[in-house]
Amino acid sequence: MVEKLDTILQKAKNIFMRYGLRSVTMDDVCREMGISKKTLYQFVCDKSDLVKKSIEHEIACDKSNVCKIHDMNLNAIEEMLQINITVGEKLKNLHPSLMFEMQKYYPDAWAVMSQYREGFIVKVILENIKKGQSEGLYRTDIHPEIISKLYATKVELLADPSMAGVVNFTPLQLFEENIKYHIRGISNTKGQELLEKYLSTPKQSN
């Protein structure tokens, strides 16, 4: 039963990422998955519940990926770049209006996403900044708590290009530029030299 739900949520998440939330009906979801509505409703109450559970599933996957990256024992800059690669793979197929539609039409799912952003993402960035400072790669004259919160706020903004006023660019392009902007802003000379070295090396995903 749990495996079936996991499969449904994974497929639903992929559908929402490709087409957005508002235009996709439960009939569309069932047709894409090749299951009946009766089967789908064994696991979710309605579309809002499906969206919320899909977001929770995605967040669980993100947390698992971050834990794997932490276990790689990378330096702070490598760690951020690896997170960039992992997130970037998902953003390639992100529908540009997904975040806007979630905020406007699916408040329960948006609340879950907001809690994730304000809690987990802030924590990850805060720990990375402190790690980089201890490694002598990040500046010590910055306020880690403020920077981590600013970063999380920008991530939300850049997920919806129309909000950021940069509709000619994809969420992936914006996210990658934001990562480089972030690291350059908090790195000292040693860290910036290391960043440029990494950026000149071809990317490799996990």
Protein backbone atom coordinates (compact mmCIF):
# COMPACT_ATOMS: atom_id res chain seq x y z
CA MET A 1 0.00 0.00 0.00
CA VAL A 2 2.82 2.38 0.92
CA GLU A 3 4.75 1.51 -2.26
CA LYS A 4 1.64 2.15 -4.37
CA LEU A 5 1.14 5.57 -2.77
CA ASP A 6 4.81 6.42 -3.29
CA THR A 7 4.52 5.56 -6.98
CA ILE A 8 1.32 7.60 -7.38
CA LEU A 9 2.84 10.66 -5.69
CA GLN A 10 6.00 10.44 -7.77
CA LYS A 11 4.00 10.30 -11.00
CA ALA A 12 1.61 13.05 -9.88
CA LYS A 13 4.55 15.28 -9.00
CA ASN A 14 6.03 14.78 -12.49
CA ILE A 15 2.69 15.64 -14.10
CA PHE A 16 2.30 18.83 -12.04
CA MET A 17 5.87 19.89 -12.77
CA ARG A 18 5.29 19.55 -16.51
CA TYR A 19 1.81 21.06 -16.82
CA GLY A 20 1.30 23.15 -13.68
CA LEU A 21 -1.40 22.64 -11.07
CA ARG A 22 -4.52 24.50 -12.14
CA SER A 23 -5.03 23.02 -15.59
CA VAL A 24 -4.53 19.39 -14.56
CA THR A 25 -7.69 17.53 -13.52
CA MET A 26 -7.97 14.30 -11.57
CA ASP A 27 -9.12 12.67 -14.81
CA ASP A 28 -5.89 13.85 -16.44
CA VAL A 29 -3.87 12.41 -13.58
CA CYS A 30 -5.62 9.03 -13.83
CA ARG A 31 -5.23 8.93 -17.59
CA GLU A 32 -1.50 9.74 -17.38
CA MET A 33 -0.98 7.08 -14.70
CA GLY A 34 -3.19 4.48 -16.32
CA ILE A 35 -5.28 3.96 -13.18
CA SER A 36 -8.94 4.45 -12.30
CA LYS A 37 -10.28 7.32 -10.21
CA LYS A 38 -11.48 4.71 -7.74
CA THR A 39 -7.90 3.56 -7.25
CA LEU A 40 -6.60 7.12 -6.92
CA TYR A 41 -9.23 8.02 -4.34
CA GLN A 42 -8.10 5.13 -2.18
CA PHE A 43 -5.01 7.21 -1.43
CA VAL A 44 -6.15 10.85 -1.59
CA CYS A 45 -9.35 12.73 -0.72
CA ASP A 46 -9.34 15.19 -3.61
CA LYS A 47 -7.02 17.17 -5.85
CA SER A 48 -5.90 19.52 -3.06
CA ASP A 49 -4.91 16.51 -0.99
CA LEU A 50 -3.02 15.06 -3.97
CA VAL A 51 -1.12 18.31 -4.49
CA LYS A 52 -0.25 18.53 -0.79
CA LYS A 53 0.90 14.92 -0.57
CA SER A 54 2.93 15.33 -3.79
CA ILE A 55 4.72 18.33 -2.30
CA GLU A 56 5.40 16.42 0.92
CA HIS A 57 6.81 13.56 -1.16
CA GLU A 58 9.06 15.94 -3.10
CA ILE A 59 10.31 17.55 0.11
CA ALA A 60 11.14 14.13 1.57
CA CYS A 61 13.17 13.36 -1.59
CA ASP A 62 14.98 16.70 -1.34
CA LYS A 63 15.91 16.10 2.29
CA SER A 64 17.21 12.65 1.43
CA ASN A 65 19.35 14.07 -1.39
CA VAL A 66 20.81 16.76 0.87
CA CYS A 67 21.71 14.13 3.47
CA LYS A 68 23.52 12.13 0.77
CA ILE A 69 25.46 15.23 -0.25
CA HIS A 70 26.42 15.89 3.38
CA ASP A 71 27.72 12.32 3.62
CA MET A 72 30.11 13.00 0.72
CA ASN A 73 32.27 15.14 3.05
CA LEU A 74 32.75 17.93 0.51
CA ASN A 75 33.99 21.39 1.36
CA ALA A 76 31.33 24.09 1.70
CA ILE A 77 31.63 25.38 -1.88
CA GLU A 78 31.58 21.90 -3.43
CA GLU A 79 28.56 21.12 -1.26
CA MET A 80 26.60 24.11 -2.57
CA LEU A 81 27.53 23.33 -6.16
CA GLN A 82 26.43 19.71 -5.74
CA ILE A 83 23.11 20.89 -4.34
CA ASN A 84 22.87 23.16 -7.39
CA ILE A 85 23.30 20.17 -9.72
CA THR A 86 20.71 18.11 -7.84
CA VAL A 87 18.09 20.87 -7.76
CA GLY A 88 18.90 21.90 -11.32
CA GLU A 89 17.90 18.49 -12.65
CA LYS A 90 14.40 19.03 -11.25
CA LEU A 91 14.09 22.63 -12.41
CA LYS A 92 14.67 21.65 -16.03
CA ASN A 93 11.05 20.52 -16.30
CA LEU A 94 9.42 22.90 -13.83
CA HIS A 95 6.28 24.58 -15.15
CA PRO A 96 6.83 28.36 -14.73
CA SER A 97 3.48 29.00 -13.03
CA LEU A 98 3.58 26.09 -10.57
CA MET A 99 4.65 28.10 -7.51
CA PHE A 100 2.20 30.91 -8.24
CA GLU A 101 -0.67 28.46 -8.67
CA MET A 102 0.24 26.65 -5.49
CA GLN A 103 0.26 29.86 -3.47
CA LYS A 104 -3.04 31.08 -4.94
CA TYR A 105 -5.12 27.91 -5.21
CA TYR A 106 -3.61 25.31 -2.85
CA PRO A 107 -2.95 26.96 0.53
CA ASP A 108 -2.35 23.69 2.39
CA ALA A 109 0.40 22.67 -0.04
CA TRP A 110 1.82 26.20 0.03
CA ALA A 111 1.96 26.10 3.83
CA VAL A 112 3.99 22.88 3.63
CA MET A 113 6.34 24.46 1.08
CA SER A 114 6.72 27.63 3.17
CA GLN A 115 7.55 25.63 6.28
CA TYR A 116 10.15 23.68 4.29
CA ARG A 117 11.70 26.86 2.94
CA GLU A 118 11.73 28.73 6.25
CA GLY A 119 12.90 25.69 8.20
CA PHE A 120 14.95 23.15 6.30
CA ILE A 121 16.40 25.33 3.53
CA VAL A 122 17.40 28.06 5.99
CA LYS A 123 19.04 25.40 8.20
CA VAL A 124 20.99 23.89 5.28
CA ILE A 125 22.31 27.27 4.13
CA LEU A 126 23.12 28.35 7.69
CA GLU A 127 25.13 25.18 8.31
CA ASN A 128 26.89 25.57 4.97
CA ILE A 129 27.91 29.15 5.75
CA LYS A 130 29.28 28.19 9.17
CA LYS A 131 31.11 25.26 7.60
CA GLY A 132 32.64 27.50 4.93
CA GLN A 133 33.76 29.99 7.55
CA SER A 134 35.43 27.26 9.61
CA GLU A 135 37.17 26.00 6.44
CA GLY A 136 38.52 29.46 5.67
CA LEU A 137 36.52 29.74 2.43
CA TYR A 138 33.75 32.16 3.44
CA ARG A 139 34.02 35.64 4.84
CA THR A 140 33.73 36.02 8.60
CA ASP A 141 32.29 39.55 8.43
CA ILE A 142 28.84 38.36 7.33
CA HIS A 143 25.79 37.44 9.42
CA PRO A 144 25.03 33.75 8.71
CA GLU A 145 21.46 33.85 10.02
CA ILE A 146 20.50 36.86 7.90
CA ILE A 147 22.18 35.52 4.76
CA SER A 148 20.51 32.12 5.09
CA LYS A 149 17.05 33.70 5.41
CA LEU A 150 17.69 36.02 2.47
CA TYR A 151 18.77 33.04 0.38
CA ALA A 152 15.60 31.09 1.16
CA THR A 153 13.46 34.10 0.27
CA LYS A 154 15.21 34.49 -3.09
CA VAL A 155 14.69 30.81 -3.91
CA GLU A 156 10.93 31.28 -3.59
CA LEU A 157 11.00 34.40 -5.74
CA LEU A 158 13.10 32.86 -8.50
CA ALA A 159 10.85 29.80 -8.79
CA ASP A 160 8.29 32.12 -10.41
CA PRO A 161 10.07 34.19 -13.12
CA SER A 162 7.06 36.51 -13.50
CA MET A 163 7.37 37.55 -9.84
CA ALA A 164 11.04 38.30 -10.32
CA GLY A 165 10.41 40.31 -13.48
CA VAL A 166 12.69 38.03 -15.50
CA VAL A 167 10.20 36.15 -17.67
CA ASN A 168 12.74 35.62 -20.46
CA PHE A 169 14.71 33.18 -18.30
CA THR A 170 13.88 29.72 -16.98
CA PRO A 171 13.79 28.82 -13.27
CA LEU A 172 16.89 26.68 -13.90
CA GLN A 173 18.86 29.61 -15.35
CA LEU A 174 17.82 31.85 -12.47
CA PHE A 175 18.66 29.26 -9.83
CA GLU A 176 22.12 28.57 -11.25
CA GLU A 177 22.96 32.28 -11.44
CA ASN A 178 21.65 32.78 -7.90
CA ILE A 179 23.92 30.00 -6.57
CA LYS A 180 27.00 31.60 -8.15
CA TYR A 181 25.93 35.05 -6.97
CA HIS A 182 25.41 33.70 -3.45
CA ILE A 183 28.75 31.90 -3.21
CA ARG A 184 30.71 34.80 -4.69
CA GLY A 185 29.05 37.18 -2.23
CA ILE A 186 30.01 35.22 0.88
CA SER A 187 33.40 33.83 -0.23
CA ASN A 188 36.75 35.31 0.66
CA THR A 189 39.60 35.42 -1.90
CA LYS A 190 40.50 31.77 -1.33
CA GLY A 191 36.89 30.70 -1.70
CA GLN A 192 36.35 32.71 -4.87
CA GLU A 193 39.45 31.22 -6.48
CA LEU A 194 38.20 27.75 -5.60
CA LEU A 195 34.74 28.54 -6.97
CA GLU A 196 36.12 29.69 -10.31
CA LYS A 197 38.18 26.51 -10.52
CA TYR A 198 35.07 24.39 -9.96
CA LEU A 199 32.99 26.42 -12.42
CA SER A 200 35.57 25.85 -15.15
CA THR A 201 35.29 22.08 -14.63
CA PRO A 202 32.52 20.19 -16.51
CA LYS A 203 29.53 19.34 -14.29
CA GLN A 204 28.96 15.84 -13.06
CA SER A 205 25.71 14.78 -11.43
CA ASN A 206 25.43 12.25 -8.62
